[in-house]
Amino acid sequence: MSAQPPSAIELEFARRHDQEHARVCLQPHPRGLAGRLAFWRDEQLVRSALKVAGEPGLILDVACGAGRFWPVLAEHANRVILASDPSQDMLDHAPTHHPQHLLKRVKTFQGSAFSIGLSANAVDCIFCMQLFQHIASPEHRLAMLGEFHRVSRDTVIVAVRIDSGFKRRRPDTQGVQARMLASKAEVEDEFKQAGFRLLSHQDFLPGCAPMRVYVLRKAR
C-alpha cells in the first residue's frame, strides 16, 4: 500500500478540519443537546447506508479524520476497516479517541482521495462522509468519483451538501465566501458519468439541513 500525496484541496480541507477538531477537543462539553442529536442522526444515516450497501466486509474510510465513524463501522464484527486521511497529524491524533480493541480493527494510512494507494477493486465499499461534501468543483468531484470507481469493487457511500431550492453562502473563517450548495441534478448526473447507479439517498433533516447521504453501486 503506497500512500499518495494529498492535493492542495485536501490539504486545505485537512487544515480547516484540524482546527475545528482542536476547538471541539478543548471544549469540556463539546456537543450539547443539539450536537448529541446530530451525532445520533449521523450514525443512524451511516447504519442505514451500510445496510443498503449490503453490510460490506472490507471498507475504506476516505478522509477519516479522527475516526468519527469507526465505532459504527466496527459494529459489524467481521468488517475490516481501512482508513486514509490527507493529514498525518490527524491520523496520529485519532487513537486518543478510541479504545485499543477498536484500533486493532483499523489500518490507517496517509493519502489522497484523488489517487488512493490501493489496487483496482481493492475494497468492497468506499465510505466518504466528510471530504466529498466540501468539494465545490464538478471536475474535482468527477475525478474523485473516478478514483472511487477504480478502487471499490461494489459500492460507495458519500455525503453531499444539496441545494434544496435556495442558494446559500457563508463566509469561512478567513472571510472568503464559501461555495454554493451542490445541485441535486448535477451531482446525480456526475454519479452516472463516473459509472455508478444510485441505490438510495437519505437526507439528514428533510427540508431543513442540506446534507444528503448517497449509496452508489458500480454499474455492471
C-alpha atoms as a PDB file:
ATOM      1  CA  MET A   1       0.000   0.000   0.000  1.00  0.00           C
ATOM      2  CA  SER A   2       1.731   3.177  -1.160  1.00  0.00           C
ATOM      3  CA  ALA A   3       0.463   6.485   0.195  1.00  0.00           C
ATOM      4  CA  GLN A   4      -0.150   9.201  -2.387  1.00  0.00           C
ATOM      5  CA  PRO A   5       0.489  12.876  -1.588  1.00  0.00           C
ATOM      6  CA  PRO A   6      -2.704  14.817  -0.838  1.00  0.00           C
ATOM      7  CA  SER A   7      -3.841  17.524  -3.237  1.00  0.00           C
ATOM      8  CA  ALA A   8      -3.985  21.229  -2.386  1.00  0.00           C
ATOM      9  CA  ILE A   9      -7.777  20.895  -1.975  1.00  0.00           C
ATOM     10  CA  GLU A  10      -7.339  18.097   0.540  1.00  0.00           C
ATOM     11  CA  LEU A  11      -4.582  19.910   2.424  1.00  0.00           C
ATOM     12  CA  GLU A  12      -6.845  22.940   2.855  1.00  0.00           C
ATOM     13  CA  PHE A  13      -9.691  20.677   3.979  1.00  0.00           C
ATOM     14  CA  ALA A  14      -7.358  18.934   6.421  1.00  0.00           C
ATOM     15  CA  ARG A  15      -6.127  22.271   7.821  1.00  0.00           C
ATOM     16  CA  ARG A  16      -9.655  23.501   8.483  1.00  0.00           C
ATOM     17  CA  HIS A  17     -10.768  20.128   9.828  1.00  0.00           C
ATOM     18  CA  ASP A  18      -7.765  20.014  12.182  1.00  0.00           C
ATOM     19  CA  GLN A  19      -8.609  23.493  13.503  1.00  0.00           C
ATOM     20  CA  GLU A  20     -12.265  22.641  14.057  1.00  0.00           C
ATOM     21  CA  HIS A  21     -11.381  19.342  15.722  1.00  0.00           C
ATOM     22  CA  ALA A  22      -8.900  21.105  18.027  1.00  0.00           C
ATOM     23  CA  ARG A  23     -11.619  23.548  19.125  1.00  0.00           C
ATOM     24  CA  VAL A  24     -14.007  20.675  19.873  1.00  0.00           C
ATOM     25  CA  CYS A  25     -11.364  18.794  21.863  1.00  0.00           C
ATOM     26  CA  LEU A  26     -10.724  21.870  24.021  1.00  0.00           C
ATOM     27  CA  GLN A  27     -14.379  22.279  24.980  1.00  0.00           C
ATOM     28  CA  PRO A  28     -15.396  20.488  28.208  1.00  0.00           C
ATOM     29  CA  HIS A  29     -18.855  19.614  26.815  1.00  0.00           C
ATOM     30  CA  PRO A  30     -18.464  19.997  23.063  1.00  0.00           C
ATOM     31  CA  ARG A  31     -21.811  18.745  21.822  1.00  0.00           C
ATOM     32  CA  GLY A  32     -24.754  19.835  23.961  1.00  0.00           C
ATOM     33  CA  LEU A  33     -28.234  18.533  23.192  1.00  0.00           C
ATOM     34  CA  ALA A  34     -28.260  19.684  19.561  1.00  0.00           C
ATOM     35  CA  GLY A  35     -24.815  18.223  18.996  1.00  0.00           C
ATOM     36  CA  ARG A  36     -25.774  14.888  20.562  1.00  0.00           C
ATOM     37  CA  LEU A  37     -28.891  14.708  18.401  1.00  0.00           C
ATOM     38  CA  ALA A  38     -26.835  15.485  15.278  1.00  0.00           C
ATOM     39  CA  PHE A  39     -24.312  12.827  16.327  1.00  0.00           C
ATOM     40  CA  TRP A  40     -27.123  10.288  16.738  1.00  0.00           C
ATOM     41  CA  ARG A  41     -28.653  11.212  13.365  1.00  0.00           C
ATOM     42  CA  ASP A  42     -25.283  10.891  11.605  1.00  0.00           C
ATOM     43  CA  GLU A  43     -24.836   7.393  12.996  1.00  0.00           C
ATOM     44  CA  GLN A  44     -28.392   6.435  12.056  1.00  0.00           C
ATOM     45  CA  LEU A  45     -27.743   7.512   8.460  1.00  0.00           C
ATOM     46  CA  VAL A  46     -24.480   5.568   8.324  1.00  0.00           C
ATOM     47  CA  ARG A  47     -26.049   2.359   9.673  1.00  0.00           C
ATOM     48  CA  SER A  48     -28.842   2.609   7.127  1.00  0.00           C
ATOM     49  CA  ALA A  49     -26.395   3.287   4.275  1.00  0.00           C
ATOM     50  CA  LEU A  50     -24.251   0.305   5.247  1.00  0.00           C
ATOM     51  CA  LYS A  51     -27.336  -1.903   5.273  1.00  0.00           C
ATOM     52  CA  VAL A  52     -28.308  -0.718   1.767  1.00  0.00           C
ATOM     53  CA  ALA A  53     -24.721  -1.384   0.641  1.00  0.00           C
ATOM     54  CA  GLY A  54     -25.071  -4.988   1.809  1.00  0.00           C
ATOM     55  CA  GLU A  55     -23.018  -4.694   5.015  1.00  0.00           C
ATOM     56  CA  PRO A  56     -19.649  -4.647   3.176  1.00  0.00           C
ATOM     57  CA  GLY A  57     -16.887  -6.698   4.765  1.00  0.00           C
ATOM     58  CA  LEU A  58     -13.883  -4.639   3.623  1.00  0.00           C
ATOM     59  CA  ILE A  59     -14.405  -0.881   3.749  1.00  0.00           C
ATOM     60  CA  LEU A  60     -12.166   2.123   3.132  1.00  0.00           C
ATOM     61  CA  ASP A  61     -12.948   5.270   5.135  1.00  0.00           C
ATOM     62  CA  VAL A  62     -11.605   8.132   2.987  1.00  0.00           C
ATOM     63  CA  ALA A  63     -10.677  11.403   4.744  1.00  0.00           C
ATOM     64  CA  CYS A  64     -11.447   9.677   8.029  1.00  0.00           C
ATOM     65  CA  GLY A  65     -10.257  12.477  10.310  1.00  0.00           C
ATOM     66  CA  ALA A  66     -10.124  11.281  13.906  1.00  0.00           C
ATOM     67  CA  GLY A  67     -12.225   8.223  13.110  1.00  0.00           C
ATOM     68  CA  ARG A  68     -15.595   9.799  13.822  1.00  0.00           C
ATOM     69  CA  PHE A  69     -17.439   6.822  12.274  1.00  0.00           C
ATOM     70  CA  TRP A  70     -15.112   3.961  13.189  1.00  0.00           C
ATOM     71  CA  PRO A  71     -17.289   2.747  16.105  1.00  0.00           C
ATOM     72  CA  VAL A  72     -20.290   2.468  13.752  1.00  0.00           C
ATOM     73  CA  LEU A  73     -18.254   0.816  11.005  1.00  0.00           C
ATOM     74  CA  ALA A  74     -16.916  -1.664  13.571  1.00  0.00           C
ATOM     75  CA  GLU A  75     -20.385  -2.735  14.729  1.00  0.00           C
ATOM     76  CA  HIS A  76     -20.218  -5.437  12.058  1.00  0.00           C
ATOM     77  CA  ALA A  77     -17.985  -7.960  13.813  1.00  0.00           C
ATOM     78  CA  ASN A  78     -16.334  -9.340  10.671  1.00  0.00           C
ATOM     79  CA  ARG A  79     -15.741  -6.000   8.947  1.00  0.00           C
ATOM     80  CA  VAL A  80     -12.178  -4.992   8.079  1.00  0.00           C
ATOM     81  CA  ILE A  81     -11.646  -1.213   8.111  1.00  0.00           C
ATOM     82  CA  LEU A  82      -9.013   0.683   6.152  1.00  0.00           C
ATOM     83  CA  ALA A  83      -8.809   4.430   6.756  1.00  0.00           C
ATOM     84  CA  SER A  84      -6.944   7.207   4.977  1.00  0.00           C
ATOM     85  CA  ASP A  85      -6.642  10.930   5.599  1.00  0.00           C
ATOM     86  CA  PRO A  86      -4.669  13.781   3.998  1.00  0.00           C
ATOM     87  CA  SER A  87      -3.412  14.834   7.458  1.00  0.00           C
ATOM     88  CA  GLN A  88      -0.861  12.594   9.147  1.00  0.00           C
ATOM     89  CA  ASP A  89      -1.246  14.710  12.284  1.00  0.00           C
ATOM     90  CA  MET A  90      -4.929  13.798  12.408  1.00  0.00           C
ATOM     91  CA  LEU A  91      -4.145  10.108  11.923  1.00  0.00           C
ATOM     92  CA  ASP A  92      -1.619  10.319  14.756  1.00  0.00           C
ATOM     93  CA  HIS A  93      -4.228  12.001  16.957  1.00  0.00           C
ATOM     94  CA  ALA A  94      -7.095   9.619  16.154  1.00  0.00           C
ATOM     95  CA  PRO A  95      -6.015   6.841  18.585  1.00  0.00           C
ATOM     96  CA  THR A  96      -6.629   9.194  21.542  1.00  0.00           C
ATOM     97  CA  HIS A  97     -10.370   8.959  20.793  1.00  0.00           C
ATOM     98  CA  HIS A  98     -10.778   5.199  20.582  1.00  0.00           C
ATOM     99  CA  PRO A  99     -10.217   2.087  22.714  1.00  0.00           C
ATOM    100  CA  GLN A 100      -7.452  -0.297  21.779  1.00  0.00           C
ATOM    101  CA  HIS A 101      -9.804  -3.108  20.781  1.00  0.00           C
ATOM    102  CA  LEU A 102     -11.327  -0.820  18.133  1.00  0.00           C
ATOM    103  CA  LEU A 103      -7.969   0.442  16.887  1.00  0.00           C
ATOM    104  CA  LYS A 104      -6.915  -3.158  16.231  1.00  0.00           C
ATOM    105  CA  ARG A 105      -9.704  -3.296  13.641  1.00  0.00           C
ATOM    106  CA  VAL A 106      -8.482  -0.232  11.699  1.00  0.00           C
ATOM    107  CA  LYS A 107      -5.489   0.088   9.358  1.00  0.00           C
ATOM    108  CA  THR A 108      -4.653   3.742   8.652  1.00  0.00           C
ATOM    109  CA  PHE A 109      -2.504   5.412   6.011  1.00  0.00           C
ATOM    110  CA  GLN A 110      -1.962   8.961   4.789  1.00  0.00           C
ATOM    111  CA  GLY A 111      -3.079   9.549   1.232  1.00  0.00           C
ATOM    112  CA  SER A 112      -5.127  11.346  -1.351  1.00  0.00           C
ATOM    113  CA  ALA A 113      -8.731  10.634  -2.265  1.00  0.00           C
ATOM    114  CA  PHE A 114      -7.807  11.552  -5.843  1.00  0.00           C
ATOM    115  CA  SER A 115      -5.101   8.894  -6.043  1.00  0.00           C
ATOM    116  CA  ILE A 116      -5.703   6.178  -3.468  1.00  0.00           C
ATOM    117  CA  GLY A 117      -2.678   3.970  -2.976  1.00  0.00           C
ATOM    118  CA  LEU A 118      -4.629   0.749  -3.468  1.00  0.00           C
ATOM    119  CA  SER A 119      -5.105  -1.530  -6.464  1.00  0.00           C
ATOM    120  CA  ALA A 120      -8.258  -1.660  -8.588  1.00  0.00           C
ATOM    121  CA  ASN A 121     -11.250  -3.352  -6.914  1.00  0.00           C
ATOM    122  CA  ALA A 122      -9.314  -3.455  -3.636  1.00  0.00           C
ATOM    123  CA  VAL A 123     -12.252  -2.941  -1.239  1.00  0.00           C
ATOM    124  CA  ASP A 124     -15.946  -3.775  -1.095  1.00  0.00           C
ATOM    125  CA  CYS A 125     -17.019  -0.239  -0.263  1.00  0.00           C
ATOM    126  CA  ILE A 126     -15.599   3.272  -0.108  1.00  0.00           C
ATOM    127  CA  PHE A 127     -17.029   5.455   2.638  1.00  0.00           C
ATOM    128  CA  CYS A 128     -16.553   9.256   2.453  1.00  0.00           C
ATOM    129  CA  MET A 129     -18.716  11.261   4.833  1.00  0.00           C
ATOM    130  CA  GLN A 130     -16.634  14.408   5.218  1.00  0.00           C
ATOM    131  CA  LEU A 131     -14.379  15.387   2.325  1.00  0.00           C
ATOM    132  CA  PHE A 132     -16.690  14.846  -0.659  1.00  0.00           C
ATOM    133  CA  GLN A 133     -19.314  17.299   0.594  1.00  0.00           C
ATOM    134  CA  HIS A 134     -16.649  20.031   0.694  1.00  0.00           C
ATOM    135  CA  ILE A 135     -15.630  19.638  -2.965  1.00  0.00           C
ATOM    136  CA  ALA A 136     -17.103  22.556  -4.914  1.00  0.00           C
ATOM    137  CA  SER A 137     -15.877  21.856  -8.449  1.00  0.00           C
ATOM    138  CA  PRO A 138     -17.772  19.324 -10.610  1.00  0.00           C
ATOM    139  CA  GLU A 139     -14.450  18.491 -12.260  1.00  0.00           C
ATOM    140  CA  HIS A 140     -12.891  17.640  -8.905  1.00  0.00           C
ATOM    141  CA  ARG A 141     -15.928  15.640  -7.803  1.00  0.00           C
ATOM    142  CA  LEU A 142     -15.777  13.613 -11.016  1.00  0.00           C
ATOM    143  CA  ALA A 143     -12.055  12.986 -10.529  1.00  0.00           C
ATOM    144  CA  MET A 144     -12.679  11.728  -7.003  1.00  0.00           C
ATOM    145  CA  LEU A 145     -15.623   9.590  -8.090  1.00  0.00           C
ATOM    146  CA  GLY A 146     -13.477   8.095 -10.841  1.00  0.00           C
ATOM    147  CA  GLU A 147     -10.898   7.019  -8.288  1.00  0.00           C
ATOM    148  CA  PHE A 148     -13.619   5.634  -6.022  1.00  0.00           C
ATOM    149  CA  HIS A 149     -14.953   3.645  -9.000  1.00  0.00           C
ATOM    150  CA  ARG A 150     -11.490   2.218  -9.637  1.00  0.00           C
ATOM    151  CA  VAL A 151     -10.794   1.138  -6.064  1.00  0.00           C
ATOM    152  CA  SER A 152     -14.224  -0.085  -4.940  1.00  0.00           C
ATOM    153  CA  ARG A 153     -15.395  -3.386  -6.338  1.00  0.00           C
ATOM    154  CA  ASP A 154     -19.035  -2.751  -5.407  1.00  0.00           C
ATOM    155  CA  THR A 155     -20.381   0.287  -3.522  1.00  0.00           C
ATOM    156  CA  VAL A 156     -19.617   3.859  -2.465  1.00  0.00           C
ATOM    157  CA  ILE A 157     -21.197   5.864   0.364  1.00  0.00           C
ATOM    158  CA  VAL A 158     -20.797   9.652   0.141  1.00  0.00           C
ATOM    159  CA  ALA A 159     -22.306  12.682   1.863  1.00  0.00           C
ATOM    160  CA  VAL A 160     -23.191  15.710  -0.261  1.00  0.00           C
ATOM    161  CA  ARG A 161     -24.479  19.167   0.625  1.00  0.00           C
ATOM    162  CA  ILE A 162     -27.514  19.513  -1.626  1.00  0.00           C
ATOM    163  CA  ASP A 163     -29.135  22.770  -2.706  1.00  0.00           C
ATOM    164  CA  SER A 164     -32.797  22.343  -1.781  1.00  0.00           C
ATOM    165  CA  GLY A 165     -34.023  25.149  -3.994  1.00  0.00           C
ATOM    166  CA  PHE A 166     -32.231  28.034  -2.337  1.00  0.00           C
ATOM    167  CA  LYS A 167     -28.746  29.445  -2.745  1.00  0.00           C
ATOM    168  CA  ARG A 168     -26.798  29.920   0.423  1.00  0.00           C
ATOM    169  CA  ARG A 169     -23.309  31.189   1.014  1.00  0.00           C
ATOM    170  CA  ARG A 170     -21.461  31.641   4.235  1.00  0.00           C
ATOM    171  CA  PRO A 171     -18.084  33.202   4.996  1.00  0.00           C
ATOM    172  CA  ASP A 172     -15.394  30.805   6.087  1.00  0.00           C
ATOM    173  CA  THR A 173     -13.002  31.527   8.937  1.00  0.00           C
ATOM    174  CA  GLN A 174     -10.897  33.756   6.699  1.00  0.00           C
ATOM    175  CA  GLY A 175     -13.855  35.821   5.459  1.00  0.00           C
ATOM    176  CA  VAL A 176     -13.828  34.283   1.976  1.00  0.00           C
ATOM    177  CA  GLN A 177     -17.206  33.309   0.523  1.00  0.00           C
ATOM    178  CA  ALA A 178     -17.783  29.586   0.627  1.00  0.00           C
ATOM    179  CA  ARG A 179     -19.144  27.564  -2.277  1.00  0.00           C
ATOM    180  CA  MET A 180     -22.842  27.272  -3.020  1.00  0.00           C
ATOM    181  CA  LEU A 181     -24.549  24.023  -2.244  1.00  0.00           C
ATOM    182  CA  ALA A 182     -24.399  21.402  -4.980  1.00  0.00           C
ATOM    183  CA  SER A 183     -27.269  20.928  -7.381  1.00  0.00           C
ATOM    184  CA  LYS A 184     -29.046  17.616  -6.838  1.00  0.00           C
ATOM    185  CA  ALA A 185     -29.445  17.041 -10.584  1.00  0.00           C
ATOM    186  CA  GLU A 186     -25.820  17.933 -11.267  1.00  0.00           C
ATOM    187  CA  VAL A 187     -24.392  15.666  -8.579  1.00  0.00           C
ATOM    188  CA  GLU A 188     -26.597  12.726  -9.510  1.00  0.00           C
ATOM    189  CA  ASP A 189     -25.581  13.147 -13.142  1.00  0.00           C
ATOM    190  CA  GLU A 190     -21.936  13.087 -12.044  1.00  0.00           C
ATOM    191  CA  PHE A 191     -22.552   9.768 -10.320  1.00  0.00           C
ATOM    192  CA  LYS A 192     -23.808   8.341 -13.629  1.00  0.00           C
ATOM    193  CA  GLN A 193     -20.902   9.831 -15.577  1.00  0.00           C
ATOM    194  CA  ALA A 194     -18.482   8.166 -13.160  1.00  0.00           C
ATOM    195  CA  GLY A 195     -20.094   4.759 -13.742  1.00  0.00           C
ATOM    196  CA  PHE A 196     -22.398   4.445 -10.726  1.00  0.00           C
ATOM    197  CA  ARG A 197     -26.081   3.843 -10.305  1.00  0.00           C
ATOM    198  CA  LEU A 198     -27.997   5.259  -7.367  1.00  0.00           C
ATOM    199  CA  LEU A 199     -29.157   2.740  -4.766  1.00  0.00           C
ATOM    200  CA  SER A 200     -30.545   5.139  -2.161  1.00  0.00           C
ATOM    201  CA  HIS A 201     -30.337   8.548  -0.590  1.00  0.00           C
ATOM    202  CA  GLN A 202     -31.237   9.870   2.841  1.00  0.00           C
ATOM    203  CA  ASP A 203     -31.462  13.478   3.984  1.00  0.00           C
ATOM    204  CA  PHE A 204     -30.012  14.476   7.337  1.00  0.00           C
ATOM    205  CA  LEU A 205     -33.127  16.540   8.093  1.00  0.00           C
ATOM    206  CA  PRO A 206     -35.534  16.717   5.132  1.00  0.00           C
ATOM    207  CA  GLY A 207     -36.376  20.282   4.150  1.00  0.00           C
ATOM    208  CA  CYS A 208     -34.091  21.813   6.765  1.00  0.00           C
ATOM    209  CA  ALA A 209     -30.500  20.576   6.562  1.00  0.00           C
ATOM    210  CA  PRO A 210     -28.637  20.300   3.247  1.00  0.00           C
ATOM    211  CA  MET A 211     -26.633  17.136   3.906  1.00  0.00           C
ATOM    212  CA  ARG A 212     -27.688  14.021   1.981  1.00  0.00           C
ATOM    213  CA  VAL A 213     -26.081  10.571   2.171  1.00  0.00           C
ATOM    214  CA  TYR A 214     -25.978   8.612  -1.102  1.00  0.00           C
ATOM    215  CA  VAL A 215     -25.313   4.924  -1.592  1.00  0.00           C
ATOM    216  CA  LEU A 216     -23.954   4.135  -5.070  1.00  0.00           C
ATOM    217  CA  ARG A 217     -23.200   0.870  -6.836  1.00  0.00           C
ATOM    218  CA  LYS A 218     -20.829   0.361  -9.726  1.00  0.00           C
ATOM    219  CA  ALA A 219     -22.823  -0.111 -12.913  1.00  0.00           C
ATOM    220  CA  ARG A 220     -22.255  -3.543 -14.424  1.00  0.00           C
END
